[in-house]
Amino acid sequence: MAEYLLEVEGVSKTFGGLRAVREVSLAVPAGSLTALIGPNGAGKTTLFSLMSGFQRPDTGRVRLGGRDITGQAPHLNARMGMGRTFQIVQPFAAQTVRENIAVGAHLHHANRREALASATAVAERVGLGPQLDKPASDLTVAGRKRLELARALATRPRLLLLDEVLAGLNPQEIAEMLPVVRAIREEGVTVLMIEHVMQAVMNLAEHVWVLAQGELIAEGPPQVVTRDPKVVEAYLGHGTAARLQRGMTAQAEVQA
C-alpha cells in the first residue's frame, strides 16, 4: 500500500452562495510528482489554500504525514514540512535575491549568516546563482518565478505545493524550468502542482486530478485523463467531446 504524505478527505468551502470546493478527496503518495488541473475558476487555488492553512474548510479533513492539520496556521504547516508557492509572485523588491531566499531559510536558521549561506545553496539549485546580489525588482518574470520557488525550497519542505510556477513563461523558459522541478522530486521532495501548461503536466506528472466547478471529475495518468470526455467538456465546453468523436469517426471512414 502506498504511503500517503498528504490526505484530503471530503473538503468543501463556500464563499457566500458560491460553493468553491465540493467534497474533494485525494491522497498524494510520498515521493511523487502529481498535478491538479482544471479550467480557470475551477477552485484549484482555493483547494491549495485549504490544504496549506490559509483558509479553513467548512467540512472535511486534511492530514500531513498522518497528522490532522485541518485549519492549522500556515507557519505551523511550514514547520511540519509543507511549502507553497503563489500564483501571483510578490518578492521583497528592494532586497536582493539572496536576502529574499533567506527569508524562507530563517524558518530553520536563526543566525543571519547561516540563513544567507543556505539561501546561496538554494539559489544554485534553481539556477539563480549568478543573480544572488541583484535586487529582486530587476528580475525577469522567469527569474521571479524561480525566486518564488527558491523561497519555498529554503523552508526545507517535505511536500511542495506549486501554484502555476510556469505561468507567464515562454516555451523556452518552460523547457528550462521542467528539469528544475523534476530535480526537486528526485531530491526527495513530494511535489503537487497546479498547472495550465499541459506540456509540463504530460512531461512531469505521474498522476493527475481534474477539478471543475469545485468538484473532482477525473483522475489518473495524464495521458488517460486528457482523453476523458468529461475533461474535454470541462475545458472546451458542452458538446465538444461528442463533436470531436464524430470528427474522428468521419476521418476514419474517409481513410478506410
C-alpha atoms as a PDB file:
ATOM      1  CA  MET A   1       0.000   0.000   0.000  1.00  0.00           C
ATOM      2  CA  ALA A   2       1.303   3.472  -0.892  1.00  0.00           C
ATOM      3  CA  GLU A   3       2.440   5.762   1.910  1.00  0.00           C
ATOM      4  CA  TYR A   4       0.483   8.976   1.556  1.00  0.00           C
ATOM      5  CA  LEU A   5       2.156  12.179   2.669  1.00  0.00           C
ATOM      6  CA  LEU A   6      -0.904  14.379   2.074  1.00  0.00           C
ATOM      7  CA  GLU A   7      -4.502  13.213   2.520  1.00  0.00           C
ATOM      8  CA  VAL A   8      -7.564  15.351   1.812  1.00  0.00           C
ATOM      9  CA  GLU A   9     -10.947  13.900   2.754  1.00  0.00           C
ATOM     10  CA  GLY A  10     -14.320  15.409   1.825  1.00  0.00           C
ATOM     11  CA  VAL A  11     -13.112  19.003   1.866  1.00  0.00           C
ATOM     12  CA  SER A  12     -15.633  21.739   0.997  1.00  0.00           C
ATOM     13  CA  LYS A  13     -15.565  25.536   1.074  1.00  0.00           C
ATOM     14  CA  THR A  14     -18.339  28.054   0.400  1.00  0.00           C
ATOM     15  CA  PHE A  15     -17.949  31.807  -0.063  1.00  0.00           C
ATOM     16  CA  GLY A  16     -21.350  33.434   0.329  1.00  0.00           C
ATOM     17  CA  GLY A  17     -23.554  31.491  -2.073  1.00  0.00           C
ATOM     18  CA  LEU A  18     -20.635  30.139  -4.107  1.00  0.00           C
ATOM     19  CA  ARG A  19     -19.511  26.561  -3.423  1.00  0.00           C
ATOM     20  CA  ALA A  20     -15.866  26.927  -4.443  1.00  0.00           C
ATOM     21  CA  VAL A  21     -14.795  23.401  -3.433  1.00  0.00           C
ATOM     22  CA  ARG A  22     -17.212  20.479  -3.090  1.00  0.00           C
ATOM     23  CA  GLU A  23     -16.429  17.283  -1.201  1.00  0.00           C
ATOM     24  CA  VAL A  24     -12.936  16.882  -2.638  1.00  0.00           C
ATOM     25  CA  SER A  25     -10.860  13.872  -1.596  1.00  0.00           C
ATOM     26  CA  LEU A  26      -7.378  12.981  -2.798  1.00  0.00           C
ATOM     27  CA  ALA A  27      -4.212  11.356  -1.486  1.00  0.00           C
ATOM     28  CA  VAL A  28      -0.675  12.252  -2.566  1.00  0.00           C
ATOM     29  CA  PRO A  29       1.918   9.451  -2.274  1.00  0.00           C
ATOM     30  CA  ALA A  30       5.209  10.335  -0.623  1.00  0.00           C
ATOM     31  CA  GLY A  31       7.945  10.915  -3.179  1.00  0.00           C
ATOM     32  CA  SER A  32       5.547  11.534  -6.069  1.00  0.00           C
ATOM     33  CA  LEU A  33       5.193  14.361  -8.574  1.00  0.00           C
ATOM     34  CA  THR A  34       1.491  14.904  -9.247  1.00  0.00           C
ATOM     35  CA  ALA A  35      -0.716  17.649 -10.668  1.00  0.00           C
ATOM     36  CA  LEU A  36      -4.055  19.319 -10.095  1.00  0.00           C
ATOM     37  CA  ILE A  37      -5.529  20.669 -13.315  1.00  0.00           C
ATOM     38  CA  GLY A  38      -8.782  22.231 -14.478  1.00  0.00           C
ATOM     39  CA  PRO A  39     -10.201  25.287 -16.224  1.00  0.00           C
ATOM     40  CA  ASN A  40      -9.967  28.798 -14.776  1.00  0.00           C
ATOM     41  CA  GLY A  41     -12.226  29.250 -11.764  1.00  0.00           C
ATOM     42  CA  ALA A  42     -12.345  25.525 -11.004  1.00  0.00           C
ATOM     43  CA  GLY A  43     -11.281  26.034  -7.368  1.00  0.00           C
ATOM     44  CA  LYS A  44      -7.687  24.805  -7.625  1.00  0.00           C
ATOM     45  CA  THR A  45      -6.015  27.653  -5.728  1.00  0.00           C
ATOM     46  CA  THR A  46      -8.774  27.594  -3.113  1.00  0.00           C
ATOM     47  CA  LEU A  47      -8.058  23.899  -2.579  1.00  0.00           C
ATOM     48  CA  PHE A  48      -4.350  24.687  -2.124  1.00  0.00           C
ATOM     49  CA  SER A  49      -5.304  27.319   0.467  1.00  0.00           C
ATOM     50  CA  LEU A  50      -7.415  24.760   2.324  1.00  0.00           C
ATOM     51  CA  MET A  51      -4.552  22.263   2.273  1.00  0.00           C
ATOM     52  CA  SER A  52      -1.948  24.757   3.472  1.00  0.00           C
ATOM     53  CA  GLY A  53      -3.939  26.535   6.187  1.00  0.00           C
ATOM     54  CA  PHE A  54      -4.538  29.896   4.539  1.00  0.00           C
ATOM     55  CA  GLN A  55      -8.247  29.047   4.680  1.00  0.00           C
ATOM     56  CA  ARG A  56     -10.193  26.622   6.831  1.00  0.00           C
ATOM     57  CA  PRO A  57     -12.573  24.153   5.146  1.00  0.00           C
ATOM     58  CA  ASP A  58     -16.254  24.188   6.084  1.00  0.00           C
ATOM     59  CA  THR A  59     -16.223  20.393   6.082  1.00  0.00           C
ATOM     60  CA  GLY A  60     -13.620  17.661   5.665  1.00  0.00           C
ATOM     61  CA  ARG A  61     -10.132  16.937   6.959  1.00  0.00           C
ATOM     62  CA  VAL A  62      -6.550  17.489   5.826  1.00  0.00           C
ATOM     63  CA  ARG A  63      -3.684  15.299   7.054  1.00  0.00           C
ATOM     64  CA  LEU A  64       0.056  15.694   6.551  1.00  0.00           C
ATOM     65  CA  GLY A  65       2.157  12.627   7.302  1.00  0.00           C
ATOM     66  CA  GLY A  66      -0.852  11.090   9.061  1.00  0.00           C
ATOM     67  CA  ARG A  67      -1.376  14.082  11.362  1.00  0.00           C
ATOM     68  CA  ASP A  68      -4.569  16.143  11.219  1.00  0.00           C
ATOM     69  CA  ILE A  69      -3.660  19.698  10.184  1.00  0.00           C
ATOM     70  CA  THR A  70      -7.151  20.912   9.210  1.00  0.00           C
ATOM     71  CA  GLY A  71      -7.185  24.697   9.523  1.00  0.00           C
ATOM     72  CA  GLN A  72      -3.755  24.775  11.130  1.00  0.00           C
ATOM     73  CA  ALA A  73      -1.840  28.035  10.610  1.00  0.00           C
ATOM     74  CA  PRO A  74       0.462  28.108   7.561  1.00  0.00           C
ATOM     75  CA  HIS A  75       3.623  28.764   9.595  1.00  0.00           C
ATOM     76  CA  LEU A  76       2.956  25.639  11.656  1.00  0.00           C
ATOM     77  CA  ASN A  77       2.402  23.630   8.492  1.00  0.00           C
ATOM     78  CA  ALA A  78       5.686  25.003   7.159  1.00  0.00           C
ATOM     79  CA  ARG A  79       7.462  23.745  10.278  1.00  0.00           C
ATOM     80  CA  MET A  80       5.936  20.329   9.608  1.00  0.00           C
ATOM     81  CA  GLY A  81       7.370  20.369   6.094  1.00  0.00           C
ATOM     82  CA  MET A  82       4.736  21.901   3.812  1.00  0.00           C
ATOM     83  CA  GLY A  83       5.988  24.551   1.391  1.00  0.00           C
ATOM     84  CA  ARG A  84       3.903  26.558  -1.051  1.00  0.00           C
ATOM     85  CA  THR A  85       4.408  28.985  -3.923  1.00  0.00           C
ATOM     86  CA  PHE A  86       1.830  31.535  -5.025  1.00  0.00           C
ATOM     87  CA  GLN A  87       0.350  32.204  -8.421  1.00  0.00           C
ATOM     88  CA  ILE A  88       0.978  35.958  -8.091  1.00  0.00           C
ATOM     89  CA  VAL A  89       4.658  36.393  -7.278  1.00  0.00           C
ATOM     90  CA  GLN A  90       5.398  39.189  -4.802  1.00  0.00           C
ATOM     91  CA  PRO A  91       9.084  39.278  -3.826  1.00  0.00           C
ATOM     92  CA  PHE A  92      10.578  41.868  -1.485  1.00  0.00           C
ATOM     93  CA  ALA A  93      11.528  44.126  -4.381  1.00  0.00           C
ATOM     94  CA  ALA A  94      14.124  46.254  -2.591  1.00  0.00           C
ATOM     95  CA  GLN A  95      16.007  43.237  -1.239  1.00  0.00           C
ATOM     96  CA  THR A  96      18.482  41.122  -3.144  1.00  0.00           C
ATOM     97  CA  VAL A  97      17.732  37.653  -4.444  1.00  0.00           C
ATOM     98  CA  ARG A  98      19.885  36.212  -1.642  1.00  0.00           C
ATOM     99  CA  GLU A  99      18.012  38.171   1.026  1.00  0.00           C
ATOM    100  CA  ASN A 100      14.626  37.126  -0.367  1.00  0.00           C
ATOM    101  CA  ILE A 101      15.539  33.448  -0.231  1.00  0.00           C
ATOM    102  CA  ALA A 102      16.982  33.873   3.265  1.00  0.00           C
ATOM    103  CA  VAL A 103      13.504  34.828   4.492  1.00  0.00           C
ATOM    104  CA  GLY A 104      12.455  31.226   3.907  1.00  0.00           C
ATOM    105  CA  ALA A 105      15.712  29.865   5.305  1.00  0.00           C
ATOM    106  CA  HIS A 106      15.113  31.663   8.621  1.00  0.00           C
ATOM    107  CA  LEU A 107      12.458  29.030   9.382  1.00  0.00           C
ATOM    108  CA  HIS A 108      15.345  26.730  10.349  1.00  0.00           C
ATOM    109  CA  HIS A 109      18.245  29.173  10.790  1.00  0.00           C
ATOM    110  CA  ALA A 110      18.018  31.837  13.487  1.00  0.00           C
ATOM    111  CA  ASN A 111      21.536  33.011  12.634  1.00  0.00           C
ATOM    112  CA  ARG A 112      21.592  35.502   9.753  1.00  0.00           C
ATOM    113  CA  ARG A 113      24.871  34.226   8.326  1.00  0.00           C
ATOM    114  CA  GLU A 114      23.596  30.653   8.249  1.00  0.00           C
ATOM    115  CA  ALA A 115      20.344  31.736   6.595  1.00  0.00           C
ATOM    116  CA  LEU A 116      22.233  33.618   3.877  1.00  0.00           C
ATOM    117  CA  ALA A 117      24.534  30.634   3.293  1.00  0.00           C
ATOM    118  CA  SER A 118      21.513  28.354   2.976  1.00  0.00           C
ATOM    119  CA  ALA A 119      19.946  30.849   0.545  1.00  0.00           C
ATOM    120  CA  THR A 120      23.044  30.701  -1.636  1.00  0.00           C
ATOM    121  CA  ALA A 121      22.837  26.915  -1.873  1.00  0.00           C
ATOM    122  CA  VAL A 122      19.125  27.005  -2.723  1.00  0.00           C
ATOM    123  CA  ALA A 123      19.693  29.641  -5.406  1.00  0.00           C
ATOM    124  CA  GLU A 124      22.178  27.351  -7.121  1.00  0.00           C
ATOM    125  CA  ARG A 125      19.562  24.564  -7.177  1.00  0.00           C
ATOM    126  CA  VAL A 126      17.089  26.689  -9.138  1.00  0.00           C
ATOM    127  CA  GLY A 127      19.546  28.452 -11.441  1.00  0.00           C
ATOM    128  CA  LEU A 128      19.688  31.801  -9.636  1.00  0.00           C
ATOM    129  CA  GLY A 129      23.323  31.564  -8.511  1.00  0.00           C
ATOM    130  CA  PRO A 130      24.613  34.300 -10.865  1.00  0.00           C
ATOM    131  CA  GLN A 131      21.872  36.699  -9.718  1.00  0.00           C
ATOM    132  CA  LEU A 132      22.223  36.410  -5.944  1.00  0.00           C
ATOM    133  CA  ASP A 133      23.228  40.036  -5.419  1.00  0.00           C
ATOM    134  CA  LYS A 134      20.725  41.506  -7.877  1.00  0.00           C
ATOM    135  CA  PRO A 135      17.685  43.358  -6.469  1.00  0.00           C
ATOM    136  CA  ALA A 136      14.565  41.234  -6.841  1.00  0.00           C
ATOM    137  CA  SER A 137      12.928  44.125  -8.700  1.00  0.00           C
ATOM    138  CA  ASP A 138      15.432  43.648 -11.553  1.00  0.00           C
ATOM    139  CA  LEU A 139      14.469  40.032 -12.232  1.00  0.00           C
ATOM    140  CA  THR A 140      12.551  38.979 -15.330  1.00  0.00           C
ATOM    141  CA  VAL A 141       9.222  37.142 -14.992  1.00  0.00           C
ATOM    142  CA  ALA A 142      11.110  33.845 -15.312  1.00  0.00           C
ATOM    143  CA  GLY A 143      13.584  34.983 -12.667  1.00  0.00           C
ATOM    144  CA  ARG A 144      10.801  35.920 -10.273  1.00  0.00           C
ATOM    145  CA  LYS A 145       9.182  32.523 -10.749  1.00  0.00           C
ATOM    146  CA  ARG A 146      12.483  30.857  -9.860  1.00  0.00           C
ATOM    147  CA  LEU A 147      12.801  33.146  -6.843  1.00  0.00           C
ATOM    148  CA  GLU A 148       9.327  32.181  -5.636  1.00  0.00           C
ATOM    149  CA  LEU A 149      10.326  28.532  -5.982  1.00  0.00           C
ATOM    150  CA  ALA A 150      13.606  29.162  -4.134  1.00  0.00           C
ATOM    151  CA  ARG A 151      11.908  30.891  -1.213  1.00  0.00           C
ATOM    152  CA  ALA A 152       9.649  27.866  -0.737  1.00  0.00           C
ATOM    153  CA  LEU A 153      12.556  25.413  -1.066  1.00  0.00           C
ATOM    154  CA  ALA A 154      14.512  27.359   1.557  1.00  0.00           C
ATOM    155  CA  THR A 155      11.982  26.217   4.161  1.00  0.00           C
ATOM    156  CA  ARG A 156      13.185  22.627   3.512  1.00  0.00           C
ATOM    157  CA  PRO A 157       9.772  21.164   2.646  1.00  0.00           C
ATOM    158  CA  ARG A 158       8.816  17.504   2.526  1.00  0.00           C
ATOM    159  CA  LEU A 159       5.769  18.496   0.469  1.00  0.00           C
ATOM    160  CA  LEU A 160       5.878  21.355  -2.042  1.00  0.00           C
ATOM    161  CA  LEU A 161       2.672  22.860  -3.453  1.00  0.00           C
ATOM    162  CA  LEU A 162       3.435  24.701  -6.708  1.00  0.00           C
ATOM    163  CA  ASP A 163       0.713  27.107  -7.865  1.00  0.00           C
ATOM    164  CA  GLU A 164       1.264  27.768 -11.592  1.00  0.00           C
ATOM    165  CA  VAL A 165       5.015  28.138 -11.309  1.00  0.00           C
ATOM    166  CA  LEU A 166       5.212  28.118 -15.136  1.00  0.00           C
ATOM    167  CA  ALA A 167       2.520  30.738 -15.793  1.00  0.00           C
ATOM    168  CA  GLY A 168       3.714  33.659 -17.899  1.00  0.00           C
ATOM    169  CA  LEU A 169       6.809  31.890 -19.204  1.00  0.00           C
ATOM    170  CA  ASN A 170       7.614  31.474 -22.888  1.00  0.00           C
ATOM    171  CA  PRO A 171       8.209  27.992 -24.378  1.00  0.00           C
ATOM    172  CA  GLN A 172      11.992  28.153 -23.918  1.00  0.00           C
ATOM    173  CA  GLU A 173      11.659  29.276 -20.295  1.00  0.00           C
ATOM    174  CA  ILE A 174       9.167  26.474 -19.634  1.00  0.00           C
ATOM    175  CA  ALA A 175      11.560  23.926 -21.143  1.00  0.00           C
ATOM    176  CA  GLU A 176      14.356  25.251 -18.901  1.00  0.00           C
ATOM    177  CA  MET A 177      12.160  25.052 -15.791  1.00  0.00           C
ATOM    178  CA  LEU A 178      10.981  21.459 -16.275  1.00  0.00           C
ATOM    179  CA  PRO A 179      14.288  19.841 -15.218  1.00  0.00           C
ATOM    180  CA  VAL A 180      14.418  22.148 -12.180  1.00  0.00           C
ATOM    181  CA  VAL A 181      11.040  20.859 -10.977  1.00  0.00           C
ATOM    182  CA  ARG A 182      11.964  17.278 -11.821  1.00  0.00           C
ATOM    183  CA  ALA A 183      15.219  17.577  -9.843  1.00  0.00           C
ATOM    184  CA  ILE A 184      13.314  18.744  -6.763  1.00  0.00           C
ATOM    185  CA  ARG A 185      11.334  15.498  -6.748  1.00  0.00           C
ATOM    186  CA  GLU A 186      14.491  13.473  -7.400  1.00  0.00           C
ATOM    187  CA  GLU A 187      16.000  15.062  -4.282  1.00  0.00           C
ATOM    188  CA  GLY A 188      13.176  13.556  -2.215  1.00  0.00           C
ATOM    189  CA  VAL A 189      10.585  16.336  -2.095  1.00  0.00           C
ATOM    190  CA  THR A 190       6.981  15.353  -2.839  1.00  0.00           C
ATOM    191  CA  VAL A 191       5.510  17.785  -5.386  1.00  0.00           C
ATOM    192  CA  LEU A 192       1.866  18.624  -6.104  1.00  0.00           C
ATOM    193  CA  MET A 193       1.477  21.259  -8.802  1.00  0.00           C
ATOM    194  CA  ILE A 194      -1.387  23.329 -10.171  1.00  0.00           C
ATOM    195  CA  GLU A 195      -0.653  23.854 -13.838  1.00  0.00           C
ATOM    196  CA  HIS A 196      -2.316  25.006 -17.052  1.00  0.00           C
ATOM    197  CA  VAL A 197       0.708  24.240 -19.233  1.00  0.00           C
ATOM    198  CA  MET A 198      -0.248  20.773 -20.441  1.00  0.00           C
ATOM    199  CA  GLN A 199       3.239  20.183 -21.872  1.00  0.00           C
ATOM    200  CA  ALA A 200       4.546  20.346 -18.315  1.00  0.00           C
ATOM    201  CA  VAL A 201       1.802  18.136 -16.922  1.00  0.00           C
ATOM    202  CA  MET A 202       2.403  15.476 -19.574  1.00  0.00           C
ATOM    203  CA  ASN A 203       6.177  15.603 -19.039  1.00  0.00           C
ATOM    204  CA  LEU A 204       6.273  15.735 -15.261  1.00  0.00           C
ATOM    205  CA  ALA A 205       3.183  14.349 -13.557  1.00  0.00           C
ATOM    206  CA  GLU A 206       2.708  10.686 -12.725  1.00  0.00           C
ATOM    207  CA  HIS A 207      -0.898  11.203 -11.647  1.00  0.00           C
ATOM    208  CA  VAL A 208      -3.416  13.982 -12.266  1.00  0.00           C
ATOM    209  CA  TRP A 209      -6.603  15.147 -10.554  1.00  0.00           C
ATOM    210  CA  VAL A 210      -9.031  17.252 -12.578  1.00  0.00           C
ATOM    211  CA  LEU A 211     -11.155  19.871 -10.829  1.00  0.00           C
ATOM    212  CA  ALA A 212     -14.147  21.571 -12.489  1.00  0.00           C
ATOM    213  CA  GLN A 213     -16.637  23.862 -10.741  1.00  0.00           C
ATOM    214  CA  GLY A 214     -15.175  22.832  -7.414  1.00  0.00           C
ATOM    215  CA  GLU A 215     -15.604  19.089  -7.947  1.00  0.00           C
ATOM    216  CA  LEU A 216     -13.164  16.349  -8.877  1.00  0.00           C
ATOM    217  CA  ILE A 217     -14.335  14.937 -12.204  1.00  0.00           C
ATOM    218  CA  ALA A 218     -11.438  12.642 -13.151  1.00  0.00           C
ATOM    219  CA  GLU A 219      -8.089  11.300 -12.010  1.00  0.00           C
ATOM    220  CA  GLY A 220      -5.365   9.043 -13.330  1.00  0.00           C
ATOM    221  CA  PRO A 221      -2.273   9.146 -15.564  1.00  0.00           C
ATOM    222  CA  PRO A 222      -2.207  12.400 -17.587  1.00  0.00           C
ATOM    223  CA  GLN A 223      -2.231  10.565 -20.935  1.00  0.00           C
ATOM    224  CA  VAL A 224      -5.518   8.902 -19.942  1.00  0.00           C
ATOM    225  CA  VAL A 225      -7.174  11.810 -18.150  1.00  0.00           C
ATOM    226  CA  THR A 226      -6.704  14.284 -21.007  1.00  0.00           C
ATOM    227  CA  ARG A 227      -8.735  11.984 -23.291  1.00  0.00           C
ATOM    228  CA  ASP A 228     -11.612  11.672 -20.811  1.00  0.00           C
ATOM    229  CA  PRO A 229     -14.786  13.182 -22.367  1.00  0.00           C
ATOM    230  CA  LYS A 230     -15.693  14.854 -19.049  1.00  0.00           C
ATOM    231  CA  VAL A 231     -12.313  16.612 -19.013  1.00  0.00           C
ATOM    232  CA  VAL A 232     -12.618  17.699 -22.647  1.00  0.00           C
ATOM    233  CA  GLU A 233     -16.064  19.140 -21.894  1.00  0.00           C
ATOM    234  CA  ALA A 234     -14.790  20.990 -18.815  1.00  0.00           C
ATOM    235  CA  TYR A 235     -12.016  22.696 -20.780  1.00  0.00           C
ATOM    236  CA  LEU A 236     -13.659  23.224 -24.164  1.00  0.00           C
ATOM    237  CA  GLY A 237     -17.387  23.412 -23.464  1.00  0.00           C
ATOM    238  CA  HIS A 238     -20.525  21.314 -23.595  1.00  0.00           C
ATOM    239  CA  GLY A 239     -20.814  19.075 -26.630  1.00  0.00           C
ATOM    240  CA  THR A 240     -17.156  19.341 -27.611  1.00  0.00           C
ATOM    241  CA  ALA A 241     -16.271  15.729 -26.795  1.00  0.00           C
ATOM    242  CA  ALA A 242     -19.115  14.437 -28.968  1.00  0.00           C
ATOM    243  CA  ARG A 243     -18.138  16.734 -31.862  1.00  0.00           C
ATOM    244  CA  LEU A 244     -14.515  15.628 -31.663  1.00  0.00           C
ATOM    245  CA  GLN A 245     -15.560  11.976 -31.623  1.00  0.00           C
ATOM    246  CA  ARG A 246     -17.800  12.467 -34.667  1.00  0.00           C
ATOM    247  CA  GLY A 247     -14.948  14.200 -36.463  1.00  0.00           C
ATOM    248  CA  MET A 248     -12.524  11.373 -35.737  1.00  0.00           C
ATOM    249  CA  THR A 249     -15.105   8.785 -36.821  1.00  0.00           C
ATOM    250  CA  ALA A 250     -15.729  10.614 -40.093  1.00  0.00           C
ATOM    251  CA  GLN A 251     -11.995  10.913 -40.730  1.00  0.00           C
ATOM    252  CA  ALA A 252     -11.508   7.185 -40.109  1.00  0.00           C
ATOM    253  CA  GLU A 253     -14.332   6.350 -42.539  1.00  0.00           C
ATOM    254  CA  VAL A 254     -12.775   8.542 -45.241  1.00  0.00           C
ATOM    255  CA  GLN A 255      -9.366   6.915 -44.767  1.00  0.00           C
ATOM    256  CA  ALA A 256     -10.977   3.453 -44.908  1.00  0.00           C
END
